[in-house]
Amino acid sequence: LDHERSISRARDTCQQILAGGDEAKVLSSARQ
């Protein structure tokens, strides 16, 4: 996971967290 693409994926995950996404959905999306 130590690569630049992980940064954009982390930003997408952050956006989902800040939007108040359901915890199970946030975890599932992060895994995907």
All heavy atoms as atom14 arrays in JSON, in Angstrom:
{
  "sequence": "LDHERSISRARDTCQQILAGGDEAKVLSSARQ",
  "atom14_mask": [
    [1, 1, 1, 1, 1, 1, 1, 1, 0, 0, 0, 0, 0, 0],
    [1, 1, 1, 1, 1, 1, 1, 1, 0, 0, 0, 0, 0, 0],
    [1, 1, 1, 1, 1, 1, 1, 1, 1, 1, 0, 0, 0, 0],
    [1, 1, 1, 1, 1, 1, 1, 1, 1, 0, 0, 0, 0, 0],
    [1, 1, 1, 1, 1, 1, 1, 1, 1, 1, 1, 0, 0, 0],
    [1, 1, 1, 1, 1, 1, 0, 0, 0, 0, 0, 0, 0, 0],
    [1, 1, 1, 1, 1, 1, 1, 1, 0, 0, 0, 0, 0, 0],
    [1, 1, 1, 1, 1, 1, 0, 0, 0, 0, 0, 0, 0, 0],
    [1, 1, 1, 1, 1, 1, 1, 1, 1, 1, 1, 0, 0, 0],
    [1, 1, 1, 1, 1, 0, 0, 0, 0, 0, 0, 0, 0, 0],
    [1, 1, 1, 1, 1, 1, 1, 1, 1, 1, 1, 0, 0, 0],
    [1, 1, 1, 1, 1, 1, 1, 1, 0, 0, 0, 0, 0, 0],
    [1, 1, 1, 1, 1, 1, 1, 0, 0, 0, 0, 0, 0, 0],
    [1, 1, 1, 1, 1, 1, 0, 0, 0, 0, 0, 0, 0, 0],
    [1, 1, 1, 1, 1, 1, 1, 1, 1, 0, 0, 0, 0, 0],
    [1, 1, 1, 1, 1, 1, 1, 1, 1, 0, 0, 0, 0, 0],
    [1, 1, 1, 1, 1, 1, 1, 1, 0, 0, 0, 0, 0, 0],
    [1, 1, 1, 1, 1, 1, 1, 1, 0, 0, 0, 0, 0, 0],
    [1, 1, 1, 1, 1, 0, 0, 0, 0, 0, 0, 0, 0, 0],
    [1, 1, 1, 1, 0, 0, 0, 0, 0, 0, 0, 0, 0, 0],
    [1, 1, 1, 1, 0, 0, 0, 0, 0, 0, 0, 0, 0, 0],
    [1, 1, 1, 1, 1, 1, 1, 1, 0, 0, 0, 0, 0, 0],
    [1, 1, 1, 1, 1, 1, 1, 1, 1, 0, 0, 0, 0, 0],
    [1, 1, 1, 1, 1, 0, 0, 0, 0, 0, 0, 0, 0, 0],
    [1, 1, 1, 1, 1, 1, 1, 1, 1, 0, 0, 0, 0, 0],
    [1, 1, 1, 1, 1, 1, 1, 0, 0, 0, 0, 0, 0, 0],
    [1, 1, 1, 1, 1, 1, 1, 1, 0, 0, 0, 0, 0, 0],
    [1, 1, 1, 1, 1, 1, 0, 0, 0, 0, 0, 0, 0, 0],
    [1, 1, 1, 1, 1, 1, 0, 0, 0, 0, 0, 0, 0, 0],
    [1, 1, 1, 1, 1, 0, 0, 0, 0, 0, 0, 0, 0, 0],
    [1, 1, 1, 1, 1, 1, 1, 1, 1, 1, 1, 0, 0, 0],
    [1, 1, 1, 1, 1, 1, 1, 1, 1, 0, 0, 0, 0, 0]
  ],
  "atom14_positions": [
    [[0.82, -1.22, 0.0], [0.0, 0.0, 0.0], [0.85, 1.26, 0.0], [0.31, 2.37, -0.06], [-0.93, 0.02, 1.22], [-1.99, -1.07, 1.26], [-2.76, -1.01, 2.57], [-2.94, -0.97, 0.07], [0.0, 0.0, 0.0], [0.0, 0.0, 0.0], [0.0, 0.0, 0.0], [0.0, 0.0, 0.0], [0.0, 0.0, 0.0], [0.0, 0.0, 0.0]],
    [[2.16, 1.11, 0.03], [3.07, 2.25, 0.07], [3.31, 2.79, -1.34], [4.37, 2.59, -1.93], [4.38, 1.85, 0.74], [5.32, 3.02, 0.95], [4.91, 4.17, 0.73], [6.49, 2.77, 1.31], [0.0, 0.0, 0.0], [0.0, 0.0, 0.0], [0.0, 0.0, 0.0], [0.0, 0.0, 0.0], [0.0, 0.0, 0.0], [0.0, 0.0, 0.0]],
    [[2.29, 3.44, -1.91], [2.41, 4.05, -3.23], [1.44, 5.22, -3.36], [0.5, 5.35, -2.56], [2.2, 3.03, -4.36], [0.9, 2.3, -4.29], [-0.29, 2.86, -4.69], [0.6, 1.05, -3.86], [-1.27, 1.99, -4.51], [-0.77, 0.89, -4.0], [0.0, 0.0, 0.0], [0.0, 0.0, 0.0], [0.0, 0.0, 0.0], [0.0, 0.0, 0.0]],
    [[1.67, 6.07, -4.33], [0.89, 7.3, -4.5], [-0.61, 7.06, -4.7], [-1.43, 7.87, -4.29], [1.44, 8.13, -5.65], [2.7, 8.89, -5.29], [2.52, 9.85, -4.13], [1.56, 10.66, -4.13], [3.33, 9.8, -3.19], [0.0, 0.0, 0.0], [0.0, 0.0, 0.0], [0.0, 0.0, 0.0], [0.0, 0.0, 0.0], [0.0, 0.0, 0.0]],
    [[-0.98, 5.97, -5.35], [-2.41, 5.71, -5.56], [-3.16, 5.58, -4.24], [-4.34, 5.87, -4.15], [-2.61, 4.45, -6.4], [-2.29, 4.65, -7.86], [-2.71, 3.44, -8.68], [-2.29, 2.17, -8.1], [-1.22, 1.47, -8.47], [-0.46, 1.9, -9.43], [-0.94, 0.34, -7.88], [0.0, 0.0, 0.0], [0.0, 0.0, 0.0], [0.0, 0.0, 0.0]],
    [[-2.45, 5.16, -3.2], [-3.09, 5.02, -1.89], [-3.54, 6.37, -1.34], [-4.49, 6.44, -0.56], [-2.12, 4.37, -0.89], [-1.9, 3.02, -1.25], [0.0, 0.0, 0.0], [0.0, 0.0, 0.0], [0.0, 0.0, 0.0], [0.0, 0.0, 0.0], [0.0, 0.0, 0.0], [0.0, 0.0, 0.0], [0.0, 0.0, 0.0], [0.0, 0.0, 0.0]],
    [[-2.88, 7.45, -1.75], [-3.27, 8.78, -1.27], [-4.65, 9.15, -1.81], [-5.52, 9.6, -1.05], [-2.22, 9.85, -1.67], [-0.84, 9.49, -1.11], [-2.66, 11.23, -1.21], [-0.79, 9.3, 0.38], [0.0, 0.0, 0.0], [0.0, 0.0, 0.0], [0.0, 0.0, 0.0], [0.0, 0.0, 0.0], [0.0, 0.0, 0.0], [0.0, 0.0, 0.0]],
    [[-4.88, 8.96, -3.09], [-6.2, 9.29, -3.64], [-7.27, 8.37, -3.06], [-8.4, 8.8, -2.81], [-6.2, 9.23, -5.16], [-5.96, 7.92, -5.62], [0.0, 0.0, 0.0], [0.0, 0.0, 0.0], [0.0, 0.0, 0.0], [0.0, 0.0, 0.0], [0.0, 0.0, 0.0], [0.0, 0.0, 0.0], [0.0, 0.0, 0.0], [0.0, 0.0, 0.0]],
    [[-6.92, 7.14, -2.79], [-7.88, 6.2, -2.18], [-8.18, 6.63, -0.75], [-9.33, 6.53, -0.3], [-7.33, 4.79, -2.23], [-7.26, 4.28, -3.67], [-6.54, 2.97, -3.8], [-6.49, 2.6, -5.21], [-5.67, 1.7, -5.7], [-4.82, 1.07, -4.92], [-5.69, 1.42, -6.99], [0.0, 0.0, 0.0], [0.0, 0.0, 0.0], [0.0, 0.0, 0.0]],
    [[-7.17, 7.1, -0.04], [-7.38, 7.59, 1.32], [-8.25, 8.85, 1.31], [-9.12, 9.02, 2.17], [-6.04, 7.88, 1.99], [0.0, 0.0, 0.0], [0.0, 0.0, 0.0], [0.0, 0.0, 0.0], [0.0, 0.0, 0.0], [0.0, 0.0, 0.0], [0.0, 0.0, 0.0], [0.0, 0.0, 0.0], [0.0, 0.0, 0.0], [0.0, 0.0, 0.0]],
    [[-8.05, 9.73, 0.33], [-8.87, 10.93, 0.22], [-10.33, 10.56, -0.06], [-11.25, 11.16, 0.5], [-8.33, 11.85, -0.88], [-6.99, 12.47, -0.51], [-6.51, 13.43, -1.6], [-7.39, 14.6, -1.6], [-7.72, 15.26, -2.71], [-7.29, 14.88, -3.89], [-8.51, 16.31, -2.64], [0.0, 0.0, 0.0], [0.0, 0.0, 0.0], [0.0, 0.0, 0.0]],
    [[-10.55, 9.56, -0.92], [-11.91, 9.11, -1.19], [-12.56, 8.54, 0.06], [-13.73, 8.79, 0.35], [-11.92, 8.05, -2.3], [-11.57, 8.6, -3.66], [-11.67, 9.83, -3.87], [-11.19, 7.8, -4.54], [0.0, 0.0, 0.0], [0.0, 0.0, 0.0], [0.0, 0.0, 0.0], [0.0, 0.0, 0.0], [0.0, 0.0, 0.0], [0.0, 0.0, 0.0]],
    [[-11.77, 7.78, 0.83], [-12.28, 7.22, 2.08], [-12.59, 8.34, 3.07], [-13.63, 8.32, 3.74], [-11.26, 6.23, 2.67], [-11.01, 5.19, 1.71], [-11.76, 5.62, 3.96], [0.0, 0.0, 0.0], [0.0, 0.0, 0.0], [0.0, 0.0, 0.0], [0.0, 0.0, 0.0], [0.0, 0.0, 0.0], [0.0, 0.0, 0.0], [0.0, 0.0, 0.0]],
    [[-11.72, 9.32, 3.15], [-11.94, 10.47, 4.02], [-13.23, 11.19, 3.65], [-14.04, 11.54, 4.52], [-10.75, 11.44, 3.94], [-11.0, 12.98, 4.84], [0.0, 0.0, 0.0], [0.0, 0.0, 0.0], [0.0, 0.0, 0.0], [0.0, 0.0, 0.0], [0.0, 0.0, 0.0], [0.0, 0.0, 0.0], [0.0, 0.0, 0.0], [0.0, 0.0, 0.0]],
    [[-13.45, 11.39, 2.37], [-14.66, 12.06, 1.91], [-15.9, 11.29, 2.35], [-16.88, 11.87, 2.81], [-14.64, 12.2, 0.39], [-15.83, 12.94, -0.16], [-15.76, 13.14, -1.66], [-15.1, 12.38, -2.37], [-16.42, 14.16, -2.15], [0.0, 0.0, 0.0], [0.0, 0.0, 0.0], [0.0, 0.0, 0.0], [0.0, 0.0, 0.0], [0.0, 0.0, 0.0]],
    [[-15.84, 9.97, 2.27], [-16.96, 9.14, 2.67], [-17.18, 9.23, 4.19], [-18.32, 9.3, 4.65], [-16.71, 7.69, 2.24], [-17.9, 6.79, 2.38], [-17.64, 5.39, 1.86], [-16.49, 4.98, 1.63], [-18.7, 4.64, 1.68], [0.0, 0.0, 0.0], [0.0, 0.0, 0.0], [0.0, 0.0, 0.0], [0.0, 0.0, 0.0], [0.0, 0.0, 0.0]],
    [[-16.09, 9.26, 4.94], [-16.18, 9.4, 6.4], [-16.83, 10.74, 6.76], [-17.76, 10.8, 7.57], [-14.78, 9.28, 7.05], [-14.23, 7.87, 6.89], [-14.82, 9.72, 8.51], [-12.74, 7.75, 7.2], [0.0, 0.0, 0.0], [0.0, 0.0, 0.0], [0.0, 0.0, 0.0], [0.0, 0.0, 0.0], [0.0, 0.0, 0.0], [0.0, 0.0, 0.0]],
    [[-16.33, 11.82, 6.15], [-16.83, 13.15, 6.47], [-18.28, 13.35, 6.03], [-19.0, 14.17, 6.6], [-15.94, 14.22, 5.84], [-14.52, 14.29, 6.39], [-13.72, 15.36, 5.65], [-14.51, 14.53, 7.88], [0.0, 0.0, 0.0], [0.0, 0.0, 0.0], [0.0, 0.0, 0.0], [0.0, 0.0, 0.0], [0.0, 0.0, 0.0], [0.0, 0.0, 0.0]],
    [[-18.71, 12.6, 5.03], [-20.09, 12.68, 4.57], [-21.04, 11.94, 5.51], [-22.25, 11.96, 5.31], [-20.21, 12.12, 3.15], [0.0, 0.0, 0.0], [0.0, 0.0, 0.0], [0.0, 0.0, 0.0], [0.0, 0.0, 0.0], [0.0, 0.0, 0.0], [0.0, 0.0, 0.0], [0.0, 0.0, 0.0], [0.0, 0.0, 0.0], [0.0, 0.0, 0.0]],
    [[-20.47, 11.3, 6.54], [-21.3, 10.59, 7.51], [-21.76, 9.25, 7.02], [-22.83, 8.77, 7.41], [0.0, 0.0, 0.0], [0.0, 0.0, 0.0], [0.0, 0.0, 0.0], [0.0, 0.0, 0.0], [0.0, 0.0, 0.0], [0.0, 0.0, 0.0], [0.0, 0.0, 0.0], [0.0, 0.0, 0.0], [0.0, 0.0, 0.0], [0.0, 0.0, 0.0]],
    [[-20.94, 8.64, 6.18], [-21.3, 7.33, 5.64], [-21.44, 6.27, 6.72], [-20.8, 6.33, 7.77], [0.0, 0.0, 0.0], [0.0, 0.0, 0.0], [0.0, 0.0, 0.0], [0.0, 0.0, 0.0], [0.0, 0.0, 0.0], [0.0, 0.0, 0.0], [0.0, 0.0, 0.0], [0.0, 0.0, 0.0], [0.0, 0.0, 0.0], [0.0, 0.0, 0.0]],
    [[-22.31, 5.32, 6.48], [-22.52, 4.19, 7.37], [-21.17, 3.47, 7.58], [-20.45, 3.2, 6.61], [-23.54, 3.24, 6.75], [-23.71, 1.97, 7.54], [-24.18, 2.04, 8.69], [-23.35, 0.89, 7.0], [0.0, 0.0, 0.0], [0.0, 0.0, 0.0], [0.0, 0.0, 0.0], [0.0, 0.0, 0.0], [0.0, 0.0, 0.0], [0.0, 0.0, 0.0]],
    [[-20.84, 3.17, 8.83], [-19.53, 2.59, 9.16], [-19.26, 1.3, 8.38], [-18.16, 1.11, 7.85], [-19.44, 2.33, 10.66], [-18.09, 1.85, 11.13], [-16.99, 2.91, 11.08], [-17.32, 4.11, 10.99], [-15.81, 2.54, 11.12], [0.0, 0.0, 0.0], [0.0, 0.0, 0.0], [0.0, 0.0, 0.0], [0.0, 0.0, 0.0], [0.0, 0.0, 0.0]],
    [[-20.26, 0.42, 8.28], [-20.07, -0.83, 7.54], [-19.79, -0.56, 6.07], [-18.93, -1.22, 5.46], [-21.29, -1.73, 7.69], [0.0, 0.0, 0.0], [0.0, 0.0, 0.0], [0.0, 0.0, 0.0], [0.0, 0.0, 0.0], [0.0, 0.0, 0.0], [0.0, 0.0, 0.0], [0.0, 0.0, 0.0], [0.0, 0.0, 0.0], [0.0, 0.0, 0.0]],
    [[-20.46, 0.44, 5.5], [-20.25, 0.8, 4.1], [-18.88, 1.43, 3.9], [-18.19, 1.16, 2.91], [-21.37, 1.76, 3.63], [-21.25, 2.17, 2.19], [-21.48, 1.01, 1.25], [-21.45, 1.51, -0.18], [-21.26, 0.44, -1.14], [0.0, 0.0, 0.0], [0.0, 0.0, 0.0], [0.0, 0.0, 0.0], [0.0, 0.0, 0.0], [0.0, 0.0, 0.0]],
    [[-18.46, 2.27, 4.85], [-17.13, 2.88, 4.78], [-16.05, 1.8, 4.79], [-15.12, 1.83, 3.98], [-16.92, 3.88, 5.94], [-15.47, 4.35, 6.0], [-17.86, 5.07, 5.81], [0.0, 0.0, 0.0], [0.0, 0.0, 0.0], [0.0, 0.0, 0.0], [0.0, 0.0, 0.0], [0.0, 0.0, 0.0], [0.0, 0.0, 0.0], [0.0, 0.0, 0.0]],
    [[-16.2, 0.82, 5.69], [-15.22, -0.28, 5.77], [-15.21, -1.11, 4.49], [-14.15, -1.45, 3.97], [-15.52, -1.16, 6.98], [-15.28, -0.52, 8.34], [-15.8, -1.42, 9.46], [-13.8, -0.22, 8.55], [0.0, 0.0, 0.0], [0.0, 0.0, 0.0], [0.0, 0.0, 0.0], [0.0, 0.0, 0.0], [0.0, 0.0, 0.0], [0.0, 0.0, 0.0]],
    [[-16.4, -1.43, 3.99], [-16.51, -2.22, 2.77], [-15.89, -1.48, 1.58], [-15.14, -2.07, 0.78], [-17.98, -2.54, 2.49], [-18.13, -3.15, 1.23], [0.0, 0.0, 0.0], [0.0, 0.0, 0.0], [0.0, 0.0, 0.0], [0.0, 0.0, 0.0], [0.0, 0.0, 0.0], [0.0, 0.0, 0.0], [0.0, 0.0, 0.0], [0.0, 0.0, 0.0]],
    [[-16.19, -0.2, 1.48], [-15.64, 0.6, 0.38], [-14.13, 0.72, 0.48], [-13.42, 0.65, -0.53], [-16.27, 2.0, 0.38], [-17.64, 1.93, 0.12], [0.0, 0.0, 0.0], [0.0, 0.0, 0.0], [0.0, 0.0, 0.0], [0.0, 0.0, 0.0], [0.0, 0.0, 0.0], [0.0, 0.0, 0.0], [0.0, 0.0, 0.0], [0.0, 0.0, 0.0]],
    [[-13.61, 0.91, 1.69], [-12.16, 1.0, 1.89], [-11.49, -0.3, 1.47], [-10.45, -0.29, 0.81], [-11.84, 1.33, 3.34], [0.0, 0.0, 0.0], [0.0, 0.0, 0.0], [0.0, 0.0, 0.0], [0.0, 0.0, 0.0], [0.0, 0.0, 0.0], [0.0, 0.0, 0.0], [0.0, 0.0, 0.0], [0.0, 0.0, 0.0], [0.0, 0.0, 0.0]],
    [[-12.08, -1.41, 1.84], [-11.5, -2.7, 1.45], [-11.45, -2.82, -0.07], [-10.44, -3.21, -0.65], [-12.29, -3.86, 2.04], [-11.67, -5.19, 1.66], [-12.25, -6.35, 2.41], [-11.48, -7.54, 2.05], [-12.0, -8.73, 1.92], [-13.28, -8.92, 2.18], [-11.25, -9.75, 1.58], [0.0, 0.0, 0.0], [0.0, 0.0, 0.0], [0.0, 0.0, 0.0]],
    [[-12.53, -2.45, -0.73], [-12.57, -2.52, -2.19], [-11.58, -1.55, -2.83], [-10.94, -1.89, -3.82], [-13.98, -2.23, -2.71], [-14.98, -3.31, -2.36], [-16.4, -2.93, -2.7], [-16.66, -1.88, -3.28], [-17.35, -3.77, -2.32], [0.0, 0.0, 0.0], [0.0, 0.0, 0.0], [0.0, 0.0, 0.0], [0.0, 0.0, 0.0], [0.0, 0.0, 0.0]]
  ]
}
